[in-house]
N, C-alpha and C. Protein backbone atom coordinates (compact mmCIF):
# COMPACT_ATOMS: atom_id res chain seq x y z
N MET A 1 0.68 -1.36 -0.10
CA MET A 1 0.07 -0.03 -0.06
C MET A 1 1.04 1.20 -0.03
N ASN A 2 1.00 1.91 -1.03
CA ASN A 2 1.76 2.97 -1.24
C ASN A 2 1.11 4.41 -0.55
N ASN A 3 -0.22 4.63 -0.88
CA ASN A 3 -1.18 5.42 -0.46
C ASN A 3 -1.14 5.36 1.06
N ILE A 4 -1.51 6.79 1.53
CA ILE A 4 -1.84 6.66 3.08
C ILE A 4 -3.47 6.30 2.95
N PRO A 5 -3.58 5.04 4.03
CA PRO A 5 -4.96 4.55 4.18
C PRO A 5 -6.09 5.42 4.71
N SER A 6 -7.48 5.20 4.34
CA SER A 6 -8.23 6.33 4.77
C SER A 6 -8.53 5.65 6.50
N SER A 7 -9.37 6.62 6.94
CA SER A 7 -9.65 6.37 8.32
C SER A 7 -10.45 4.75 8.31
N LYS A 8 -11.24 4.65 7.49
CA LYS A 8 -12.14 3.52 7.63
C LYS A 8 -11.32 2.19 7.42
N GLU A 9 -10.27 2.39 6.50
CA GLU A 9 -9.02 1.46 6.18
C GLU A 9 -8.29 1.16 7.18
N CYS A 10 -7.84 2.18 7.77
CA CYS A 10 -7.09 2.11 9.36
C CYS A 10 -7.89 1.17 10.28
N ILE A 11 -9.07 1.53 10.58
CA ILE A 11 -9.86 0.78 11.43
C ILE A 11 -10.08 -0.59 11.12
N ASP A 12 -10.26 -0.88 9.79
CA ASP A 12 -10.28 -1.93 9.37
C ASP A 12 -9.03 -3.11 9.77
N LEU A 13 -7.99 -2.34 9.56
CA LEU A 13 -6.67 -2.67 9.82
C LEU A 13 -6.35 -3.00 11.14
N LEU A 14 -6.67 -2.36 12.06
CA LEU A 14 -6.81 -2.44 13.62
C LEU A 14 -7.40 -3.69 14.01
N ASN A 15 -8.77 -3.92 13.37
CA ASN A 15 -9.53 -4.96 13.59
C ASN A 15 -8.98 -6.24 13.43
N LYS A 16 -8.43 -6.28 11.79
CA LYS A 16 -7.87 -7.65 11.30
C LYS A 16 -6.78 -7.95 12.14
N SER A 17 -6.05 -7.05 12.61
CA SER A 17 -4.45 -7.45 13.47
C SER A 17 -4.85 -7.88 14.97
N GLY A 18 -6.17 -7.75 15.33
CA GLY A 18 -6.66 -8.18 16.47
C GLY A 18 -6.43 -7.38 17.73
N CYS A 19 -6.61 -6.00 17.26
CA CYS A 19 -6.52 -4.75 18.32
C CYS A 19 -7.99 -4.91 19.29
N SER A 20 -7.95 -4.97 20.43
CA SER A 20 -9.10 -4.97 21.12
C SER A 20 -10.11 -3.73 20.93
N HIS A 21 -11.34 -3.49 21.16
CA HIS A 21 -12.21 -2.34 21.29
C HIS A 21 -11.67 -1.23 21.85
N SER A 22 -10.99 -1.49 23.07
CA SER A 22 -10.47 -0.35 24.03
C SER A 22 -9.40 0.15 23.22
N VAL A 23 -8.24 -0.49 22.69
CA VAL A 23 -7.33 -0.04 22.09
C VAL A 23 -7.78 0.98 20.81
N ILE A 24 -8.78 0.05 20.05
CA ILE A 24 -9.34 1.24 18.71
C ILE A 24 -10.18 2.48 19.26
N ARG A 25 -10.59 2.16 20.45
CA ARG A 25 -11.35 3.70 20.99
C ARG A 25 -10.41 4.50 21.47
N HIS A 26 -8.99 4.06 22.09
CA HIS A 26 -7.92 4.88 22.32
C HIS A 26 -7.41 5.62 21.29
N CYS A 27 -7.26 4.89 20.24
CA CYS A 27 -6.58 5.23 18.84
C CYS A 27 -7.40 6.28 18.26
N ARG A 28 -8.81 6.28 18.21
CA ARG A 28 -9.75 7.18 17.86
C ARG A 28 -9.66 8.21 18.63
N ALA A 29 -9.48 8.46 19.96
CA ALA A 29 -9.07 9.57 20.61
C ALA A 29 -7.99 10.14 20.37
N VAL A 30 -6.83 9.54 20.20
CA VAL A 30 -5.63 10.15 19.91
C VAL A 30 -5.75 10.76 18.21
N ARG A 31 -6.52 10.36 17.65
CA ARG A 31 -6.67 10.87 16.24
C ARG A 31 -7.53 12.16 16.31
N ASN A 32 -8.56 12.12 17.35
CA ASN A 32 -9.20 13.27 17.27
C ASN A 32 -8.32 14.51 17.68
N LEU A 33 -7.54 14.06 18.59
CA LEU A 33 -6.60 15.19 19.19
C LEU A 33 -5.54 15.72 18.37
N ALA A 34 -4.91 14.49 17.54
CA ALA A 34 -3.72 14.81 16.48
C ALA A 34 -4.27 15.69 15.39
N VAL A 35 -5.61 15.38 14.99
CA VAL A 35 -5.87 15.95 13.86
C VAL A 35 -6.10 17.42 14.31
N LYS A 36 -6.64 17.72 15.51
CA LYS A 36 -6.80 19.38 15.88
C LYS A 36 -5.30 19.68 15.69
N ILE A 37 -4.43 19.30 16.35
CA ILE A 37 -3.06 20.01 16.32
C ILE A 37 -2.73 20.02 15.05
N ALA A 38 -2.86 19.05 14.02
CA ALA A 38 -2.09 19.39 12.61
C ALA A 38 -2.84 20.57 12.00
N LYS A 39 -3.84 20.51 12.09
CA LYS A 39 -4.60 21.56 11.63
C LYS A 39 -3.97 22.94 11.91
N ARG A 40 -3.35 23.09 13.06
CA ARG A 40 -2.91 24.43 13.24
C ARG A 40 -1.43 24.60 13.04
N THR A 41 -1.03 23.40 12.57
CA THR A 41 0.38 23.51 12.04
C THR A 41 0.38 23.39 10.34
N ASN A 42 1.56 23.28 10.01
CA ASN A 42 1.84 22.87 8.50
C ASN A 42 2.02 21.59 8.33
N ALA A 43 1.49 20.69 9.34
CA ALA A 43 1.24 19.06 9.09
C ALA A 43 0.73 18.44 8.07
N ASN A 44 0.98 17.24 7.88
CA ASN A 44 -0.01 16.67 6.82
C ASN A 44 -0.98 16.11 7.59
N VAL A 45 -2.08 16.77 7.34
CA VAL A 45 -3.43 16.31 8.22
C VAL A 45 -3.76 14.74 8.13
N GLU A 46 -3.85 14.30 6.51
CA GLU A 46 -4.03 13.02 6.24
C GLU A 46 -3.19 12.03 6.76
N LEU A 47 -1.92 12.10 6.83
CA LEU A 47 -1.03 11.35 7.64
C LEU A 47 -0.92 11.14 8.96
N VAL A 48 -1.32 12.46 9.64
CA VAL A 48 -1.35 12.54 10.89
C VAL A 48 -2.61 11.58 11.23
N GLU A 49 -3.69 11.89 10.83
CA GLU A 49 -5.10 10.69 10.88
C GLU A 49 -4.52 9.53 10.84
N ALA A 50 -3.96 9.15 9.97
CA ALA A 50 -3.73 7.47 9.70
C ALA A 50 -2.53 7.05 10.53
N GLY A 51 -1.39 7.79 10.84
CA GLY A 51 -0.78 7.64 11.91
C GLY A 51 -1.20 7.22 13.32
N ALA A 52 -2.10 8.25 13.87
CA ALA A 52 -2.60 8.49 14.89
C ALA A 52 -3.46 7.19 15.12
N LEU A 53 -4.41 6.59 14.30
CA LEU A 53 -5.23 5.97 14.21
C LEU A 53 -4.49 4.39 14.50
N LEU A 54 -3.22 4.19 13.34
CA LEU A 54 -2.57 2.79 13.66
C LEU A 54 -1.66 2.87 14.43
N HIS A 55 -1.20 3.94 15.30
CA HIS A 55 -0.12 4.02 16.28
C HIS A 55 0.06 2.77 16.92
N ASP A 56 -0.91 2.58 17.70
CA ASP A 56 -0.94 1.15 18.64
C ASP A 56 -1.19 -0.01 17.95
N ILE A 57 -1.10 -0.30 16.63
CA ILE A 57 -1.51 -1.72 16.13
C ILE A 57 -0.53 -2.68 16.59
N GLY A 58 0.59 -2.38 17.22
CA GLY A 58 1.26 -3.40 17.88
C GLY A 58 0.84 -3.92 19.16
N ARG A 59 -0.27 -3.20 19.59
CA ARG A 59 -0.98 -3.89 20.76
C ARG A 59 -1.70 -5.10 20.73
N SER A 60 -1.58 -5.34 19.54
CA SER A 60 -2.38 -6.51 19.03
C SER A 60 -1.47 -7.90 19.19
N LYS A 61 -0.09 -7.47 19.45
CA LYS A 61 1.16 -8.41 19.85
C LYS A 61 1.29 -8.24 21.40
N THR A 62 1.66 -7.00 21.65
CA THR A 62 2.09 -6.84 22.98
C THR A 62 1.64 -5.36 23.92
N HIS A 63 1.41 -5.28 24.88
CA HIS A 63 1.14 -3.87 25.58
C HIS A 63 2.34 -3.36 26.00
N GLY A 64 3.62 -4.29 26.02
CA GLY A 64 4.49 -3.52 26.74
C GLY A 64 5.51 -2.63 25.69
N ILE A 65 6.50 -2.23 26.21
CA ILE A 65 7.52 -1.39 25.70
C ILE A 65 7.79 -1.61 23.97
N LEU A 66 7.64 -3.01 23.91
CA LEU A 66 7.86 -3.18 22.03
C LEU A 66 6.85 -3.13 21.11
N HIS A 67 5.55 -2.72 21.89
CA HIS A 67 4.45 -2.47 20.85
C HIS A 67 4.54 -1.51 19.64
N GLY A 68 5.63 -0.21 19.85
CA GLY A 68 5.75 0.49 18.71
C GLY A 68 6.73 -0.20 17.72
N PHE A 69 7.79 -1.21 18.09
CA PHE A 69 8.72 -2.06 17.43
C PHE A 69 7.88 -3.03 16.73
N GLU A 70 6.78 -3.81 17.38
CA GLU A 70 6.08 -4.80 16.70
C GLU A 70 4.99 -4.11 15.86
N GLY A 71 4.65 -2.78 16.26
CA GLY A 71 3.60 -2.24 15.42
C GLY A 71 4.19 -1.88 14.06
N ALA A 72 5.44 -1.45 14.17
CA ALA A 72 6.22 -0.99 12.83
C ALA A 72 6.35 -2.30 12.08
N LYS A 73 6.75 -3.36 12.43
CA LYS A 73 6.92 -4.89 11.71
C LYS A 73 5.23 -5.12 11.07
N ILE A 74 4.44 -5.04 11.72
CA ILE A 74 3.08 -5.13 11.14
C ILE A 74 3.00 -4.22 9.95
N ALA A 75 3.40 -2.95 10.22
CA ALA A 75 3.08 -1.99 9.05
C ALA A 75 4.03 -2.44 7.91
N ARG A 76 5.11 -2.87 7.98
CA ARG A 76 5.99 -3.18 6.99
C ARG A 76 5.29 -4.47 6.32
N ASP A 77 5.12 -5.11 6.92
CA ASP A 77 4.23 -6.46 6.32
C ASP A 77 3.01 -6.14 5.61
N LEU A 78 2.30 -5.20 6.02
CA LEU A 78 1.26 -4.55 5.34
C LEU A 78 1.62 -3.70 4.17
N LYS A 79 2.59 -3.28 4.04
CA LYS A 79 3.33 -2.46 2.90
C LYS A 79 2.99 -1.04 3.02
N LEU A 80 2.63 -0.67 4.30
CA LEU A 80 2.12 0.88 4.51
C LEU A 80 3.26 1.64 4.42
N PRO A 81 3.08 2.87 3.98
CA PRO A 81 4.19 4.01 3.65
C PRO A 81 5.04 4.07 4.80
N ASN A 82 6.26 4.54 4.31
CA ASN A 82 7.40 4.61 5.48
C ASN A 82 6.87 5.49 6.58
N SER A 83 6.25 6.61 6.23
CA SER A 83 5.97 7.86 6.85
C SER A 83 5.16 7.33 8.07
N ILE A 84 4.05 6.32 7.72
CA ILE A 84 3.19 5.79 8.80
C ILE A 84 4.23 4.95 9.53
N ILE A 85 4.93 3.96 9.04
CA ILE A 85 5.88 3.09 9.85
C ILE A 85 6.68 3.74 10.92
N ARG A 86 7.44 5.12 10.53
CA ARG A 86 7.93 5.62 11.47
C ARG A 86 7.03 6.32 12.36
N ILE A 87 6.16 6.62 12.26
CA ILE A 87 5.04 7.42 13.26
C ILE A 87 4.70 6.43 14.25
N ILE A 88 4.68 5.21 13.88
CA ILE A 88 4.22 3.79 14.77
C ILE A 88 5.60 3.42 15.55
N GLU A 89 6.55 3.47 14.80
CA GLU A 89 7.64 2.87 15.59
C GLU A 89 8.20 4.27 16.85
N ARG A 90 8.13 5.46 16.11
CA ARG A 90 8.80 6.35 17.09
C ARG A 90 7.58 6.94 18.08
N HIS A 91 6.34 6.42 18.33
CA HIS A 91 5.55 7.14 19.17
C HIS A 91 5.54 6.82 20.48
N VAL A 92 6.37 5.97 21.25
CA VAL A 92 6.04 5.71 22.52
C VAL A 92 6.86 6.69 23.29
N GLY A 93 6.06 7.04 24.47
CA GLY A 93 6.65 8.04 25.24
C GLY A 93 6.67 9.21 24.73
N ALA A 94 7.90 9.97 24.94
CA ALA A 94 8.22 11.07 24.19
C ALA A 94 9.23 11.02 23.10
N GLY A 95 9.26 9.62 22.50
CA GLY A 95 10.52 9.36 21.81
C GLY A 95 11.58 8.37 22.74
N ILE A 96 12.07 7.50 22.22
CA ILE A 96 13.18 6.84 23.14
C ILE A 96 14.52 7.14 22.46
N PRO A 97 15.56 7.57 22.97
CA PRO A 97 16.86 7.98 22.35
C PRO A 97 17.64 6.57 22.28
N ILE A 98 18.37 6.55 21.65
CA ILE A 98 19.43 4.96 21.54
C ILE A 98 19.99 4.49 22.79
N GLU A 99 20.39 5.50 23.42
CA GLU A 99 20.85 4.82 24.69
C GLU A 99 19.95 4.10 25.68
N ASP A 100 18.69 4.83 25.62
CA ASP A 100 17.55 4.28 26.40
C ASP A 100 17.10 2.85 25.80
N ALA A 101 16.90 2.97 24.79
CA ALA A 101 16.38 1.62 23.76
C ALA A 101 17.14 0.48 24.24
N LYS A 102 18.57 0.76 24.29
CA LYS A 102 19.70 -0.54 24.71
C LYS A 102 19.02 -0.88 26.19
N LYS A 103 19.04 0.08 27.12
CA LYS A 103 18.57 -0.33 28.43
C LYS A 103 17.17 -0.87 28.43
N LEU A 104 16.24 -0.51 27.73
CA LEU A 104 14.76 -1.18 27.50
C LEU A 104 14.60 -2.48 27.14
N GLY A 105 15.88 -2.90 26.40
CA GLY A 105 15.81 -4.32 25.82
C GLY A 105 15.05 -4.03 24.17
N LEU A 106 15.01 -2.85 23.79
CA LEU A 106 14.43 -2.72 22.17
C LEU A 106 15.65 -2.89 21.44
N PRO A 107 15.47 -3.18 20.20
CA PRO A 107 16.54 -3.21 19.25
C PRO A 107 17.11 -1.85 19.19
N VAL A 108 18.57 -1.96 19.16
CA VAL A 108 19.32 -0.49 19.50
C VAL A 108 19.05 0.27 18.11
N LYS A 109 18.37 1.42 18.23
CA LYS A 109 18.34 2.32 17.15
C LYS A 109 17.72 3.65 17.97
N ASP A 110 17.35 4.56 17.19
CA ASP A 110 17.07 5.88 17.64
C ASP A 110 15.41 5.87 17.38
N TYR A 111 14.70 5.95 18.48
CA TYR A 111 13.31 6.05 18.33
C TYR A 111 12.63 7.17 18.57
N MET A 112 13.28 8.43 18.54
CA MET A 112 12.76 9.84 18.79
C MET A 112 12.00 10.13 17.39
N PRO A 113 10.72 10.79 17.86
CA PRO A 113 10.10 11.43 16.60
C PRO A 113 10.88 12.50 15.90
N LYS A 114 10.82 12.64 14.58
CA LYS A 114 11.70 13.77 14.04
C LYS A 114 10.53 14.63 13.10
N SER A 115 9.71 14.13 12.27
CA SER A 115 8.88 15.09 11.42
C SER A 115 7.84 15.72 12.51
N ILE A 116 7.30 16.44 12.24
CA ILE A 116 6.14 17.22 12.67
C ILE A 116 4.95 16.18 12.93
N GLU A 117 4.56 15.32 11.79
CA GLU A 117 3.76 14.48 12.22
C GLU A 117 4.14 13.39 13.52
N GLU A 118 5.20 12.82 13.11
CA GLU A 118 5.62 11.94 14.14
C GLU A 118 5.50 12.54 15.72
N LYS A 119 6.13 13.72 15.70
CA LYS A 119 5.77 14.55 17.05
C LYS A 119 4.47 14.63 17.27
N ILE A 120 3.60 15.08 16.40
CA ILE A 120 2.02 15.37 17.18
C ILE A 120 1.47 14.08 17.40
N VAL A 121 1.61 13.08 16.57
CA VAL A 121 1.09 11.71 17.23
C VAL A 121 1.53 11.31 18.47
N CYS A 122 2.73 11.24 18.56
CA CYS A 122 3.66 10.91 19.67
C CYS A 122 3.02 11.90 20.89
N HIS A 123 2.98 12.89 20.82
CA HIS A 123 2.30 14.02 21.84
C HIS A 123 1.00 13.64 22.23
N SER A 124 0.03 13.56 20.96
CA SER A 124 -1.24 13.19 21.18
C SER A 124 -1.33 12.00 22.00
N ASP A 125 -0.75 11.18 21.76
CA ASP A 125 -0.95 9.75 22.52
C ASP A 125 -0.59 10.21 24.13
N ASN A 126 0.46 11.21 24.53
CA ASN A 126 0.78 11.28 25.60
C ASN A 126 -0.27 12.14 26.46
N LEU A 127 -1.05 12.87 25.64
CA LEU A 127 -2.41 13.69 26.29
C LEU A 127 -3.64 13.04 26.40
N ILE A 128 -3.74 11.70 25.89
CA ILE A 128 -4.73 10.79 25.86
C ILE A 128 -4.51 9.22 26.67
N ASP A 129 -5.16 9.17 28.16
CA ASP A 129 -5.13 8.28 29.04
C ASP A 129 -6.41 7.26 28.84
N ASN A 130 -6.44 6.12 28.35
CA ASN A 130 -7.26 5.33 27.49
C ASN A 130 -7.60 5.94 26.60
N SER A 131 -9.16 6.68 26.77
CA SER A 131 -9.69 7.53 25.83
C SER A 131 -10.11 8.88 26.15
N ARG A 132 -9.65 9.35 27.49
CA ARG A 132 -9.69 10.61 28.01
C ARG A 132 -8.84 11.60 28.07
N ARG A 133 -9.04 12.74 27.78
CA ARG A 133 -7.91 13.81 27.35
C ARG A 133 -7.63 14.28 29.15
N HIS A 134 -6.13 14.27 29.15
CA HIS A 134 -5.54 14.81 30.41
C HIS A 134 -4.37 15.86 30.19
N MET A 135 -4.07 16.56 31.35
CA MET A 135 -2.94 17.55 31.14
C MET A 135 -1.82 16.84 30.98
N ILE A 136 -0.60 17.57 30.35
CA ILE A 136 0.61 17.02 30.32
C ILE A 136 1.35 16.78 31.72
N GLU A 137 0.90 17.67 32.58
CA GLU A 137 1.65 17.73 33.80
C GLU A 137 1.16 16.60 34.60
N ASN A 138 0.27 15.82 34.35
CA ASN A 138 0.13 14.37 34.99
C ASN A 138 0.93 13.47 34.45
N GLU A 139 1.36 13.51 33.10
CA GLU A 139 2.30 12.44 32.80
C GLU A 139 3.72 12.69 32.84
N ILE A 140 4.27 14.05 33.08
CA ILE A 140 5.32 14.61 33.95
C ILE A 140 5.50 14.25 35.23
N GLU A 141 4.56 14.43 36.19
CA GLU A 141 4.37 13.96 37.29
C GLU A 141 4.44 12.65 37.55
N LYS A 142 3.80 11.61 36.75
CA LYS A 142 3.90 10.30 36.90
C LYS A 142 5.51 9.76 36.69
N ALA A 143 5.94 10.41 35.53
CA ALA A 143 7.40 10.12 35.08
C ALA A 143 8.44 10.34 36.38
N ASN A 144 8.11 11.45 36.73
CA ASN A 144 9.13 12.20 37.70
C ASN A 144 9.04 11.11 39.29
N LYS A 145 7.69 10.79 39.65
CA LYS A 145 7.57 9.99 40.70
C LYS A 145 8.09 8.58 40.43
N GLN A 146 8.16 7.85 39.18
CA GLN A 146 8.77 6.66 38.86
C GLN A 146 10.26 6.93 38.48
N GLY A 147 10.92 7.94 38.81
CA GLY A 147 12.26 8.14 38.61
C GLY A 147 12.85 8.46 37.33
N TYR A 148 11.87 8.85 36.25
CA TYR A 148 12.23 8.95 34.96
C TYR A 148 12.27 10.30 34.74
N LYS A 149 13.54 11.07 34.96
CA LYS A 149 13.52 12.44 35.07
C LYS A 149 13.81 12.73 33.36
N LYS A 150 14.71 12.10 32.75
CA LYS A 150 14.89 12.61 31.46
C LYS A 150 13.75 12.32 30.60
N TYR A 151 12.93 11.44 31.06
CA TYR A 151 11.48 11.04 30.10
C TYR A 151 11.02 12.45 30.50
N ALA A 152 10.59 12.72 31.54
CA ALA A 152 9.74 13.84 32.23
C ALA A 152 10.19 15.15 31.48
N LYS A 153 11.59 15.33 31.30
CA LYS A 153 12.18 16.56 30.50
C LYS A 153 11.94 16.37 29.19
N ARG A 154 11.73 15.28 28.28
CA ARG A 154 11.52 15.16 27.00
C ARG A 154 9.89 15.31 26.91
N LEU A 155 8.92 15.06 27.73
CA LEU A 155 7.95 15.32 27.55
C LEU A 155 7.47 16.68 27.71
N ARG A 156 7.95 17.42 28.60
CA ARG A 156 7.94 19.16 28.56
C ARG A 156 8.38 19.84 27.17
N LYS A 157 9.63 19.23 26.97
CA LYS A 157 10.08 19.99 25.72
C LYS A 157 9.07 19.68 24.56
N LEU A 158 8.70 18.40 24.40
CA LEU A 158 7.70 18.04 23.10
C LEU A 158 6.51 19.00 23.44
N HIS A 159 6.02 19.02 24.51
CA HIS A 159 4.71 19.73 24.66
C HIS A 159 5.07 21.20 24.45
N ASP A 160 5.98 21.83 25.00
CA ASP A 160 6.38 23.20 24.65
C ASP A 160 6.63 23.74 23.24
N GLU A 161 7.21 22.79 22.34
CA GLU A 161 7.55 22.86 21.16
C GLU A 161 6.18 23.02 20.36
N LEU A 162 5.73 21.91 20.66
CA LEU A 162 4.31 21.81 19.69
C LEU A 162 3.08 23.08 20.16
N SER A 163 3.26 23.26 21.21
CA SER A 163 2.35 24.73 21.81
C SER A 163 2.88 25.68 21.38
N ASP A 164 4.09 25.95 21.14
CA ASP A 164 4.72 27.08 20.37
C ASP A 164 4.08 27.10 18.91
N LEU A 165 4.38 26.06 18.31
CA LEU A 165 3.96 25.78 16.79
C LEU A 165 2.48 26.21 16.52
N CYS A 166 1.73 25.72 17.48
CA CYS A 166 0.31 26.11 17.53
C CYS A 166 -0.10 27.34 18.10
N GLY A 167 0.56 28.08 18.79
CA GLY A 167 0.27 29.30 19.27
C GLY A 167 -0.81 29.01 20.59
N LEU A 168 -0.76 28.07 21.09
CA LEU A 168 -1.38 27.96 22.41
C LEU A 168 -1.07 26.73 23.18
N ASP A 169 -1.12 26.71 24.40
CA ASP A 169 -0.66 25.68 25.22
C ASP A 169 -1.48 24.54 25.02
N LEU A 170 -1.03 23.12 24.45
CA LEU A 170 -2.00 22.25 23.96
C LEU A 170 -2.78 21.76 25.13
N ASN A 171 -2.41 21.83 26.31
CA ASN A 171 -3.42 21.57 27.40
C ASN A 171 -4.83 22.36 26.98
N ASN A 172 -5.09 23.34 26.26
CA ASN A 172 -6.16 23.94 26.18
C ASN A 172 -6.70 23.60 24.91
N ILE A 173 -6.15 22.87 23.90
CA ILE A 173 -6.60 22.56 22.77
C ILE A 173 -8.13 21.61 22.83
């Protein structure tokens, strides 16, 4: 598949891959927020929508840290565009730098979001808990309490970067 799949095609792919109803509901909530952010930037809205819907396709295999990696494998097998594969692979947390990937048992590579579309989907996922919206401070506080100071800083940096691009605090979008 060389073209970006439609919303309906994405939902069909999630179902066919074996994603639960709760995962699909979460993906829809992430999509709704991501599209709002994408429309306020120069991002490719169609890519953001498909990437947000498919970002957790790997949860059909695992709910652990490897779900982004597994999802990218599924997306490659489905011959999805590389732009979507990268969104899926790089959406976990606020991205995972190469040194942390090694510590977490991931294949050693850089999982940091690079494109605006990757950053939007990654951060929208951070602002949705199950299918409910919450503030970035909740995620930052949780990361700090668990001792993940560098992760908390990456969350804040990504939030501030996208908020600046949108011209408003994304807590208020």
